[in-house]
Amino acid sequence: MAALVSILPIVLLFVLMLGFKMAGHRSAFICLLITAAIAVLLAPAMQFAPQGFTQMGVAWAFVEGTLKSVFPILIIIMMALFSYNVLVQSKQIEVIKAQFTSFSDDDGITVLMLVWGFGGLLEGMAGFGTAVAIPAAILISLGYKPLFSALVSLIANTVPTGFGAVGVPVITLANEIAPGGAASQALISQLSVYAVLQLSLLYFVLPFIILTLTNRSKSAIFKNLWLSLWVGVVSFGTQYLVALHLGAETPAIIGSLAAIVGIVVYAKVFAPKKKTESEKAYTASQTLKAWAVYAFILLFILISGPLFPPINTFLKSTLVSRIALPIHAPGTAFSFAWIGNAGLMLFLGTVLGGLVQGVSPKELLVTLARTVVNLRKTTITIISLVSLAAIMNYSGMIIVIADTLASITGKAYPLFAPLIGAIGTFVTGSDTSSNILFAKLQANVATQLHHANPNWIVAANTTGATGGKMISPQSIAIATAACDMPGKDGEILKSALPYAALYIVIGGLMVLLAG
């Protein structure tokens, strides 16, 4: 009964968005209210809430959820869309569009380059929705339909998320199970390799799905298979080697760069562009100007990341706000680094790039204001969802769901281990948060299974979490904002759900059979 009550907010979210086709911000807000009511009225009575959890606990969980929503999730989403809107304002998006389509006349190559290659690179460096927002917006500017643009961006933004934001999810996973909370590089590398191995089939399946969605004709099946095989080999091989030798920070970054190179090579050899008289050749200076915004963004993210420890340490430890809420355990607090977050890097890169492209300071300010106003519904959605996740976490609801699933699956647990990670990401919107919630649970269950490698089961959490990312309401809210599809959250969720289910099943089978 406790599990049925705990899962009610998740089920209700599906019912409202899919059954009643209710807009995302309304669905999320209603589910937030229902979750708060369950936490206040039922959780203490059913004794799955921690002792002393009261109405004030719900209120403080909402405060924490709001803080986490704004710092940094909403800031990063706003800055990602701001960067795209500046490109539209400067008209340099036209150059980028022309260059993305200059490699080949094949739409599949263009789409795969954007969502798998460029999107994976953005996820590896920044995370937090940039890999959905920016590629989807560019696809729409190229003339692709909004629902298609949202769907392929969500499908692609899965396998890289385990190593997103310079490896934070897997590093967090390792720290959660390490003695004293400080994981060794050996443990981080092992979990990284296990995650890549568990995702191995998906490096081939997902490109094929994206290519098939782009071109559904029977004549394209063989071409799609061949390109998927090529991109899968490049992506999987590169990420495996990087995870094995370098750890969790750079598999998504280096793997995506390798995929981009691989797609370009494929296009040059098998699908070269047919030149037309109307096509314009761009000089090096024109290309640098067009890419100035993204070039500055990538530069700032790289310089501020773990690849440069002294700079990263300074940024993460300077001008840091720490807010200790009554709901926090002693010694813990919500913290936000004002100069050490990806949102600031996106903002600085966009402003500098925009100035290089000839956008005036006044135009930049107007564009930023318009971006913020247009995201008002997305703001409601994300604050509601992150607060909902915080209430479910502190009231014990998420742990009840996971414990129940673990107890009823028995020896078949490895098959369902990724599902727990997916539930965590679906609720929280974050691979990292899912790993924080369930790493110890996965490790504890693994120790009870005979002939099971505990770290292999623990890695399954992030494997499933990457699949849950595809249908996380937070990710869908980002997609609706990027694709200018207000109120269409349910439509996007319905389209993505079968692919997410296939993803999690494949992940579960890999954990069960290859472990």
Protein backbone atom coordinates (compact mmCIF):
# COMPACT_ATOMS: atom_id res chain seq x y z
CA MET A 1 0.00 0.00 0.00
CA ALA A 2 2.84 2.39 0.83
CA ALA A 3 4.36 1.77 -2.62
CA LEU A 4 1.01 2.36 -4.37
CA VAL A 5 0.53 5.63 -2.51
CA SER A 6 4.12 6.69 -3.21
CA ILE A 7 3.90 6.07 -6.95
CA LEU A 8 0.60 7.95 -7.28
CA PRO A 9 2.19 11.32 -8.25
CA ILE A 10 4.15 9.66 -11.08
CA VAL A 11 1.09 7.82 -12.38
CA LEU A 12 -1.00 10.97 -12.12
CA LEU A 13 1.58 12.91 -14.13
CA PHE A 14 1.29 10.36 -16.96
CA VAL A 15 -2.51 10.39 -16.79
CA LEU A 16 -2.76 14.18 -16.93
CA MET A 17 -0.22 14.60 -19.73
CA LEU A 18 -1.15 11.58 -21.85
CA GLY A 19 -4.79 10.88 -20.96
CA PHE A 20 -6.11 14.40 -20.50
CA LYS A 21 -3.47 16.04 -22.73
CA MET A 22 -3.03 18.73 -20.08
CA ALA A 23 -0.25 21.29 -20.54
CA GLY A 24 3.00 20.48 -18.77
CA HIS A 25 2.98 23.41 -16.38
CA ARG A 26 -0.57 22.66 -15.23
CA SER A 27 0.10 18.91 -14.90
CA ALA A 28 3.28 19.49 -12.93
CA PHE A 29 1.65 22.01 -10.58
CA ILE A 30 -1.33 19.73 -9.85
CA CYS A 31 1.01 16.79 -9.18
CA LEU A 32 3.06 18.99 -6.87
CA LEU A 33 -0.06 19.75 -4.81
CA ILE A 34 -1.04 16.06 -4.69
CA THR A 35 2.48 15.06 -3.65
CA ALA A 36 2.46 17.65 -0.86
CA ALA A 37 -0.93 16.36 0.35
CA ILE A 38 0.33 12.74 0.39
CA ALA A 39 3.48 13.77 2.26
CA VAL A 40 1.49 15.69 4.89
CA LEU A 41 -1.56 13.46 5.32
CA LEU A 42 -0.53 9.91 4.41
CA ALA A 43 3.23 9.51 4.72
CA PRO A 44 3.38 9.97 8.52
CA ALA A 45 0.28 7.79 9.05
CA MET A 46 1.73 4.97 6.90
CA GLN A 47 5.09 5.36 8.66
CA PHE A 48 7.31 5.60 5.58
CA ALA A 49 8.17 9.25 6.20
CA PRO A 50 11.19 9.92 8.44
CA GLN A 51 10.31 10.61 12.05
CA GLY A 52 9.50 14.26 12.59
CA PHE A 53 8.64 14.97 8.95
CA THR A 54 5.74 17.46 9.13
CA GLN A 55 4.03 20.16 7.10
CA MET A 56 7.07 22.36 7.64
CA GLY A 57 9.20 19.62 6.13
CA VAL A 58 7.11 19.79 2.97
CA ALA A 59 7.43 23.58 2.93
CA TRP A 60 11.21 23.47 3.27
CA ALA A 61 11.42 20.73 0.61
CA PHE A 62 9.55 23.10 -1.71
CA VAL A 63 12.01 25.88 -0.88
CA GLU A 64 14.93 23.59 -1.67
CA GLY A 65 13.26 22.50 -4.91
CA THR A 66 12.76 26.10 -5.97
CA LEU A 67 16.39 26.95 -5.25
CA LYS A 68 17.62 23.91 -7.21
CA SER A 69 15.29 24.80 -10.09
CA VAL A 70 16.61 28.31 -10.49
CA PHE A 71 20.25 27.60 -9.56
CA PRO A 72 21.34 26.29 -11.98
CA ILE A 73 18.72 24.45 -14.09
CA LEU A 74 16.56 27.37 -15.23
CA ILE A 75 19.55 29.68 -15.59
CA ILE A 76 21.26 27.17 -17.90
CA ILE A 77 18.11 26.60 -19.97
CA MET A 78 17.57 30.34 -20.34
CA MET A 79 21.18 30.95 -21.33
CA ALA A 80 21.14 28.06 -23.83
CA LEU A 81 18.09 29.51 -25.57
CA PHE A 82 19.54 33.02 -25.24
CA SER A 83 22.59 31.84 -27.19
CA TYR A 84 20.38 30.55 -29.99
CA ASN A 85 18.24 33.71 -30.04
CA VAL A 86 21.37 35.86 -30.36
CA LEU A 87 22.38 33.82 -33.42
CA VAL A 88 18.95 34.51 -34.89
CA GLN A 89 19.28 38.21 -34.06
CA SER A 90 22.69 38.43 -35.73
CA LYS A 91 21.48 36.27 -38.66
CA GLN A 92 24.61 34.12 -38.24
CA ILE A 93 22.34 31.13 -37.72
CA GLU A 94 21.95 31.10 -41.50
CA VAL A 95 25.67 30.46 -41.92
CA ILE A 96 25.60 27.67 -39.32
CA LYS A 97 22.57 26.10 -41.00
CA ALA A 98 24.30 26.23 -44.39
CA GLN A 99 27.43 24.62 -42.97
CA PHE A 100 25.53 21.84 -41.22
CA THR A 101 23.92 20.96 -44.55
CA SER A 102 27.10 21.47 -46.60
CA PHE A 103 28.49 18.00 -45.94
CA SER A 104 25.73 16.08 -47.63
CA ASP A 105 22.27 16.25 -49.19
CA ASP A 106 21.26 13.42 -46.85
CA ASP A 107 18.92 14.65 -44.10
CA GLY A 108 19.96 11.73 -41.89
CA ILE A 109 23.56 12.89 -41.85
CA THR A 110 22.52 16.44 -40.97
CA VAL A 111 20.22 15.34 -38.14
CA LEU A 112 22.71 12.83 -36.73
CA MET A 113 25.49 15.41 -36.84
CA LEU A 114 23.35 17.86 -34.85
CA VAL A 115 21.71 15.68 -32.19
CA TRP A 116 24.26 12.86 -31.77
CA GLY A 117 27.51 14.68 -32.47
CA PHE A 118 26.98 18.34 -31.54
CA GLY A 119 24.33 17.48 -28.91
CA GLY A 120 26.60 14.91 -27.28
CA LEU A 121 29.40 17.46 -27.14
CA LEU A 122 27.12 20.00 -25.43
CA GLU A 123 25.95 17.35 -22.94
CA GLY A 124 29.50 16.32 -22.15
CA MET A 125 30.57 19.88 -21.48
CA ALA A 126 27.53 21.60 -19.97
CA GLY A 127 24.63 19.18 -19.46
CA PHE A 128 21.44 20.49 -17.82
CA GLY A 129 19.33 20.57 -20.98
CA THR A 130 21.70 22.39 -23.35
CA ALA A 131 21.96 19.27 -25.53
CA VAL A 132 18.19 19.27 -26.04
CA ALA A 133 17.54 22.99 -26.31
CA ILE A 134 20.22 24.04 -28.80
CA PRO A 135 20.11 21.15 -31.35
CA ALA A 136 16.29 21.16 -31.35
CA ALA A 137 16.18 24.90 -32.01
CA ILE A 138 18.69 24.60 -34.86
CA LEU A 139 16.74 21.72 -36.41
CA ILE A 140 13.58 23.82 -36.46
CA SER A 141 15.49 26.68 -38.10
CA LEU A 142 16.53 24.18 -40.79
CA GLY A 143 12.88 23.49 -41.54
CA TYR A 144 12.26 20.29 -39.57
CA LYS A 145 8.95 19.90 -37.74
CA PRO A 146 8.93 20.86 -34.04
CA LEU A 147 7.73 17.45 -32.77
CA PHE A 148 10.37 15.63 -34.81
CA SER A 149 13.08 18.05 -33.62
CA ALA A 150 12.09 17.55 -30.00
CA LEU A 151 11.88 13.76 -30.29
CA VAL A 152 15.24 13.12 -31.97
CA SER A 153 16.96 15.55 -29.58
CA LEU A 154 15.51 13.71 -26.58
CA ILE A 155 16.44 10.29 -27.99
CA ALA A 156 20.03 11.40 -28.62
CA ASN A 157 20.37 13.05 -25.21
CA THR A 158 20.53 9.74 -23.36
CA VAL A 159 23.79 7.77 -23.53
CA PRO A 160 25.98 10.90 -23.09
CA THR A 161 24.19 12.00 -19.91
CA GLY A 162 26.00 9.45 -17.75
CA PHE A 163 29.16 11.42 -18.49
CA GLY A 164 27.42 14.79 -18.85
CA ALA A 165 28.68 18.02 -17.33
CA VAL A 166 32.25 16.61 -17.41
CA GLY A 167 31.42 13.28 -15.76
CA VAL A 168 29.52 14.49 -12.71
CA PRO A 169 26.88 11.66 -12.65
CA VAL A 170 29.34 8.74 -12.65
CA ILE A 171 31.75 10.49 -10.29
CA THR A 172 28.82 11.12 -7.92
CA LEU A 173 27.78 7.47 -8.23
CA ALA A 174 31.29 6.35 -7.24
CA ASN A 175 31.46 8.76 -4.30
CA GLU A 176 28.10 7.50 -2.98
CA ILE A 177 29.36 3.92 -2.56
CA ALA A 178 33.00 4.66 -1.70
CA PRO A 179 34.17 4.47 1.94
CA GLY A 180 34.15 7.96 3.36
CA GLY A 181 32.46 9.34 0.27
CA ALA A 182 35.72 9.82 -1.65
CA ALA A 183 36.03 7.44 -4.59
CA SER A 184 39.37 6.33 -5.98
CA GLN A 185 40.20 6.91 -9.62
CA ALA A 186 40.19 3.13 -10.07
CA LEU A 187 36.57 2.86 -8.88
CA ILE A 188 35.49 5.80 -11.07
CA SER A 189 37.14 4.23 -14.11
CA GLN A 190 35.60 0.83 -13.37
CA LEU A 191 32.07 2.25 -13.08
CA SER A 192 32.67 4.31 -16.24
CA VAL A 193 33.72 1.22 -18.20
CA TYR A 194 30.78 -0.79 -16.85
CA ALA A 195 28.34 1.96 -17.85
CA VAL A 196 29.73 2.07 -21.40
CA LEU A 197 29.54 -1.73 -21.69
CA GLN A 198 25.95 -1.83 -20.44
CA LEU A 199 25.02 0.88 -22.97
CA SER A 200 27.01 -0.73 -25.80
CA LEU A 201 24.06 -1.94 -27.90
CA LEU A 202 22.39 1.46 -27.61
CA TYR A 203 25.33 3.16 -29.32
CA PHE A 204 24.12 1.33 -32.44
CA VAL A 205 20.36 1.21 -31.85
CA LEU A 206 19.80 4.90 -31.14
CA PRO A 207 21.51 6.26 -34.30
CA PHE A 208 19.43 3.78 -36.33
CA ILE A 209 16.22 4.99 -34.66
CA ILE A 210 17.15 8.63 -35.31
CA LEU A 211 18.00 7.91 -38.94
CA THR A 212 14.77 5.91 -39.42
CA LEU A 213 12.69 8.72 -37.94
CA THR A 214 14.39 11.09 -40.38
CA ASN A 215 13.84 8.87 -43.42
CA ARG A 216 11.21 6.14 -43.07
CA SER A 217 11.41 4.85 -46.67
CA LYS A 218 12.26 1.18 -47.20
CA SER A 219 15.02 2.14 -49.62
CA ALA A 220 16.88 3.89 -46.79
CA ILE A 221 17.03 0.88 -44.43
CA PHE A 222 20.37 -0.47 -45.64
CA LYS A 223 21.97 2.98 -45.69
CA ASN A 224 20.65 3.68 -42.17
CA LEU A 225 22.00 0.36 -40.92
CA TRP A 226 25.44 0.99 -42.40
CA LEU A 227 25.70 4.55 -41.04
CA SER A 228 24.41 3.43 -37.61
CA LEU A 229 27.00 0.66 -37.51
CA TRP A 230 29.79 3.09 -38.43
CA VAL A 231 28.75 5.78 -35.93
CA GLY A 232 28.13 3.15 -33.25
CA VAL A 233 31.60 1.63 -33.65
CA VAL A 234 33.24 5.07 -33.50
CA SER A 235 31.17 6.25 -30.51
CA PHE A 236 31.34 3.03 -28.48
CA GLY A 237 35.02 2.35 -29.22
CA THR A 238 36.11 5.86 -28.36
CA GLN A 239 34.05 6.15 -25.18
CA TYR A 240 35.18 2.72 -23.97
CA LEU A 241 38.87 3.57 -24.42
CA VAL A 242 38.46 7.00 -22.82
CA ALA A 243 36.53 5.56 -19.86
CA LEU A 244 39.16 2.84 -19.41
CA HIS A 245 42.18 5.12 -19.49
CA LEU A 246 40.92 8.60 -18.49
CA GLY A 247 37.86 8.01 -16.30
CA ALA A 248 34.47 9.72 -16.27
CA GLU A 249 35.24 13.33 -17.21
CA THR A 250 35.67 13.09 -20.98
CA PRO A 251 34.03 10.00 -22.58
CA ALA A 252 31.05 12.03 -23.83
CA ILE A 253 33.20 14.96 -24.97
CA ILE A 254 35.87 12.98 -26.83
CA GLY A 255 33.36 10.36 -28.01
CA SER A 256 31.11 13.04 -29.52
CA LEU A 257 34.03 14.75 -31.23
CA ALA A 258 35.02 11.37 -32.68
CA ALA A 259 31.43 10.82 -33.84
CA ILE A 260 31.40 14.22 -35.58
CA VAL A 261 34.63 13.37 -37.40
CA GLY A 262 33.25 9.94 -38.27
CA ILE A 263 30.03 11.39 -39.71
CA VAL A 264 32.00 13.93 -41.76
CA VAL A 265 34.24 11.17 -43.14
CA TYR A 266 31.20 9.04 -44.00
CA ALA A 267 29.54 11.99 -45.74
CA LYS A 268 32.65 12.78 -47.79
CA VAL A 269 33.10 9.15 -48.90
CA PHE A 270 29.56 7.81 -49.30
CA ALA A 271 27.20 10.82 -49.57
CA PRO A 272 29.06 13.88 -50.86
CA LYS A 273 27.15 17.11 -51.33
CA LYS A 274 26.01 17.84 -54.86
CA LYS A 275 27.24 21.35 -55.52
CA THR A 276 24.79 23.90 -56.89
CA GLU A 277 25.41 27.37 -58.25
CA SER A 278 23.35 28.97 -55.50
CA GLU A 279 25.59 27.60 -52.73
CA LYS A 280 27.96 30.04 -51.12
CA ALA A 281 31.46 29.23 -49.95
CA TYR A 282 32.30 30.84 -46.62
CA THR A 283 35.72 32.17 -45.76
CA ALA A 284 37.55 31.29 -42.57
CA SER A 285 36.72 34.68 -41.03
CA GLN A 286 33.01 34.29 -41.89
CA THR A 287 33.01 30.82 -40.34
CA LEU A 288 34.72 32.02 -37.17
CA LYS A 289 32.26 34.89 -36.87
CA ALA A 290 29.25 32.60 -37.31
CA TRP A 291 30.53 30.13 -34.69
CA ALA A 292 31.78 32.81 -32.28
CA VAL A 293 28.94 32.26 -29.78
CA TYR A 294 29.38 28.50 -29.51
CA ALA A 295 33.18 28.77 -29.74
CA PHE A 296 33.30 31.12 -26.73
CA ILE A 297 30.82 28.93 -24.83
CA LEU A 298 32.88 25.78 -25.37
CA LEU A 299 36.08 27.64 -24.52
CA PHE A 300 34.71 28.96 -21.21
CA ILE A 301 33.21 25.60 -20.25
CA LEU A 302 36.48 23.80 -20.99
CA ILE A 303 38.63 26.31 -19.11
CA SER A 304 36.32 26.33 -16.08
CA GLY A 305 35.95 22.53 -15.94
CA PRO A 306 37.91 19.79 -14.15
CA LEU A 307 40.39 19.60 -17.01
CA PHE A 308 42.03 22.72 -15.50
CA PRO A 309 42.03 21.98 -11.73
CA PRO A 310 43.43 25.32 -10.43
CA ILE A 311 40.85 27.38 -12.33
CA ASN A 312 38.05 24.95 -11.51
CA THR A 313 38.93 24.96 -7.82
CA PHE A 314 39.04 28.77 -7.69
CA LEU A 315 35.68 29.17 -9.47
CA LYS A 316 33.96 26.50 -7.36
CA SER A 317 35.22 27.95 -4.07
CA THR A 318 34.86 31.69 -4.72
CA LEU A 319 31.58 33.60 -4.37
CA VAL A 320 29.70 30.49 -3.28
CA SER A 321 26.33 30.91 -1.57
CA ARG A 322 25.46 28.26 1.00
CA ILE A 323 21.97 28.05 2.44
CA ALA A 324 21.36 25.60 5.27
CA LEU A 325 17.66 24.77 5.40
CA PRO A 326 16.03 23.17 8.46
CA ILE A 327 15.31 20.06 6.38
CA HIS A 328 18.99 19.43 5.68
CA ALA A 329 21.07 17.00 7.69
CA PRO A 330 23.66 18.61 9.98
CA GLY A 331 26.67 19.83 8.03
CA THR A 332 24.86 19.91 4.68
CA ALA A 333 23.49 22.89 2.79
CA PHE A 334 22.31 24.01 -0.62
CA SER A 335 25.19 25.71 -2.41
CA PHE A 336 25.57 27.64 -5.64
CA ALA A 337 28.80 28.94 -7.17
CA TRP A 338 28.04 32.29 -8.79
CA ILE A 339 31.14 32.32 -11.00
CA GLY A 340 31.64 28.55 -11.24
CA ASN A 341 28.50 27.38 -13.00
CA ALA A 342 27.72 26.49 -16.61
CA GLY A 343 24.99 29.13 -16.82
CA LEU A 344 27.52 31.94 -16.42
CA MET A 345 29.79 30.36 -19.04
CA LEU A 346 26.87 30.21 -21.47
CA PHE A 347 26.02 33.84 -20.74
CA LEU A 348 29.58 35.12 -21.15
CA GLY A 349 30.11 33.11 -24.33
CA THR A 350 26.83 34.38 -25.78
CA VAL A 351 27.50 38.02 -24.96
CA LEU A 352 31.07 38.01 -26.30
CA GLY A 353 30.06 36.00 -29.36
CA GLY A 354 27.10 38.30 -29.98
CA LEU A 355 29.31 41.40 -29.82
CA VAL A 356 31.72 39.80 -32.31
CA GLN A 357 28.74 39.15 -34.58
CA GLY A 358 27.69 42.80 -34.46
CA VAL A 359 24.79 42.60 -31.99
CA SER A 360 24.64 45.78 -29.89
CA PRO A 361 24.47 45.68 -26.06
CA LYS A 362 20.91 47.00 -26.22
CA GLU A 363 19.87 44.24 -28.64
CA LEU A 364 21.51 41.65 -26.40
CA LEU A 365 19.55 42.95 -23.41
CA VAL A 366 16.26 42.93 -25.32
CA THR A 367 16.92 39.42 -26.60
CA LEU A 368 17.69 38.20 -23.07
CA ALA A 369 14.50 39.78 -21.70
CA ARG A 370 12.41 38.22 -24.47
CA THR A 371 13.98 34.81 -23.79
CA VAL A 372 13.17 35.00 -20.07
CA VAL A 373 9.54 36.07 -20.69
CA ASN A 374 8.97 33.30 -23.23
CA LEU A 375 10.08 30.70 -20.67
CA ARG A 376 7.48 31.59 -18.04
CA LYS A 377 5.51 28.32 -18.47
CA THR A 378 8.71 26.28 -18.50
CA THR A 379 9.69 28.00 -15.25
CA ILE A 380 6.45 26.87 -13.57
CA THR A 381 6.94 23.34 -14.90
CA ILE A 382 10.50 22.91 -13.71
CA ILE A 383 9.99 24.50 -10.28
CA SER A 384 6.96 22.24 -9.75
CA LEU A 385 8.80 19.09 -10.85
CA VAL A 386 12.01 19.68 -8.90
CA SER A 387 10.01 20.59 -5.79
CA LEU A 388 7.87 17.47 -6.30
CA ALA A 389 11.06 15.39 -6.44
CA ALA A 390 12.37 17.01 -3.25
CA ILE A 391 9.14 16.29 -1.37
CA MET A 392 9.07 12.67 -2.59
CA ASN A 393 12.69 12.26 -1.51
CA TYR A 394 12.43 13.76 1.98
CA SER A 395 9.09 12.08 2.73
CA GLY A 396 10.54 8.66 1.88
CA MET A 397 8.29 8.04 -1.14
CA ILE A 398 11.10 7.43 -3.68
CA ILE A 399 12.90 4.94 -1.43
CA VAL A 400 9.64 3.08 -0.80
CA ILE A 401 9.14 2.65 -4.57
CA ALA A 402 12.70 1.41 -5.09
CA ASP A 403 12.67 -0.93 -2.07
CA THR A 404 9.39 -2.47 -3.19
CA LEU A 405 10.68 -3.10 -6.70
CA ALA A 406 13.87 -4.65 -5.30
CA SER A 407 11.95 -6.95 -2.95
CA ILE A 408 9.48 -8.29 -5.52
CA THR A 409 12.03 -8.98 -8.30
CA GLY A 410 14.25 -11.33 -6.30
CA LYS A 411 16.93 -13.10 -8.36
CA ALA A 412 15.76 -11.28 -11.49
CA TYR A 413 16.77 -7.98 -9.89
CA PRO A 414 19.64 -7.21 -12.35
CA LEU A 415 17.04 -7.03 -15.12
CA PHE A 416 15.18 -4.34 -13.20
CA ALA A 417 18.13 -2.45 -11.72
CA PRO A 418 18.19 0.08 -14.61
CA LEU A 419 14.47 0.69 -14.10
CA ILE A 420 15.18 2.03 -10.61
CA GLY A 421 17.71 4.46 -12.08
CA ALA A 422 15.19 5.47 -14.75
CA ILE A 423 12.52 6.15 -12.12
CA GLY A 424 15.01 8.35 -10.28
CA THR A 425 15.72 10.43 -13.38
CA PHE A 426 12.08 10.57 -14.41
CA VAL A 427 11.15 12.07 -11.05
CA THR A 428 14.18 14.30 -10.46
CA GLY A 429 15.16 15.12 -14.06
CA SER A 430 18.79 14.41 -13.21
CA ASP A 431 21.08 11.42 -13.71
CA THR A 432 23.20 12.75 -10.85
CA SER A 433 20.21 13.00 -8.50
CA SER A 434 19.13 9.47 -9.39
CA ASN A 435 22.61 8.21 -8.51
CA ILE A 436 22.54 10.05 -5.19
CA LEU A 437 19.14 8.56 -4.37
CA PHE A 438 19.76 4.94 -5.32
CA ALA A 439 23.50 4.16 -5.41
CA LYS A 440 23.53 2.72 -1.89
CA LEU A 441 20.28 0.85 -2.49
CA GLN A 442 21.74 -0.79 -5.61
CA ALA A 443 24.92 -1.69 -3.75
CA ASN A 444 23.01 -3.19 -0.80
CA VAL A 445 20.79 -5.32 -3.04
CA ALA A 446 23.81 -6.45 -5.07
CA THR A 447 25.53 -7.83 -1.98
CA GLN A 448 22.52 -10.13 -1.43
CA LEU A 449 22.74 -11.57 -4.94
CA HIS A 450 24.96 -14.61 -5.46
CA HIS A 451 27.52 -14.42 -8.27
CA ALA A 452 26.79 -10.72 -8.84
CA ASN A 453 29.48 -8.06 -9.13
CA PRO A 454 28.21 -5.25 -6.85
CA ASN A 455 29.83 -2.51 -8.92
CA TRP A 456 28.25 -3.91 -12.09
CA ILE A 457 24.80 -3.56 -10.46
CA VAL A 458 25.64 -0.10 -9.14
CA ALA A 459 26.63 1.02 -12.66
CA ALA A 460 23.20 -0.18 -13.84
CA ASN A 461 21.67 2.74 -11.97
CA THR A 462 23.29 5.30 -14.23
CA THR A 463 22.56 3.08 -17.26
CA GLY A 464 18.85 3.24 -16.48
CA ALA A 465 19.05 6.89 -15.46
CA THR A 466 20.23 7.84 -18.95
CA GLY A 467 17.11 6.20 -20.40
CA GLY A 468 14.81 7.94 -17.94
CA LYS A 469 16.26 11.23 -19.14
CA MET A 470 14.43 10.79 -22.46
CA ILE A 471 10.99 11.04 -20.85
CA SER A 472 11.78 13.12 -17.81
CA PRO A 473 9.17 15.89 -17.63
CA GLN A 474 12.00 18.36 -17.05
CA SER A 475 13.68 17.34 -20.32
CA ILE A 476 10.35 17.49 -22.12
CA ALA A 477 9.72 20.95 -20.68
CA ILE A 478 13.06 22.05 -22.13
CA ALA A 479 12.11 20.56 -25.50
CA THR A 480 8.74 22.33 -25.55
CA ALA A 481 10.47 25.62 -24.78
CA ALA A 482 13.17 25.14 -27.42
CA CYS A 483 10.65 24.05 -30.06
CA ASP A 484 8.06 26.70 -29.13
CA MET A 485 5.42 24.04 -28.41
CA PRO A 486 3.65 25.37 -25.28
CA GLY A 487 1.13 22.89 -23.90
CA LYS A 488 2.40 20.02 -26.08
CA ASP A 489 4.33 18.22 -23.33
CA GLY A 490 1.96 15.24 -23.42
CA GLU A 491 2.34 14.87 -27.19
CA ILE A 492 6.12 14.78 -26.90
CA LEU A 493 5.97 12.34 -23.96
CA LYS A 494 3.66 10.01 -25.89
CA SER A 495 6.06 10.01 -28.86
CA ALA A 496 9.16 9.36 -26.73
CA LEU A 497 7.68 6.75 -24.36
CA PRO A 498 8.07 3.64 -26.61
CA TYR A 499 11.72 4.46 -27.32
CA ALA A 500 12.42 5.02 -23.61
CA ALA A 501 10.81 1.66 -22.78
CA LEU A 502 12.94 -0.10 -25.42
CA TYR A 503 16.03 1.68 -24.07
CA ILE A 504 15.42 0.53 -20.49
CA VAL A 505 14.64 -3.05 -21.58
CA ILE A 506 17.87 -3.26 -23.59
CA GLY A 507 19.80 -1.84 -20.64
CA GLY A 508 18.19 -4.37 -18.28
CA LEU A 509 19.01 -7.30 -20.57
CA MET A 510 22.62 -6.16 -20.84
CA VAL A 511 22.92 -5.93 -17.05
CA LEU A 512 21.34 -9.37 -16.59
CA LEU A 513 23.12 -11.27 -19.37
CA ALA A 514 26.52 -9.56 -19.61
CA GLY A 515 27.25 -9.16 -15.92
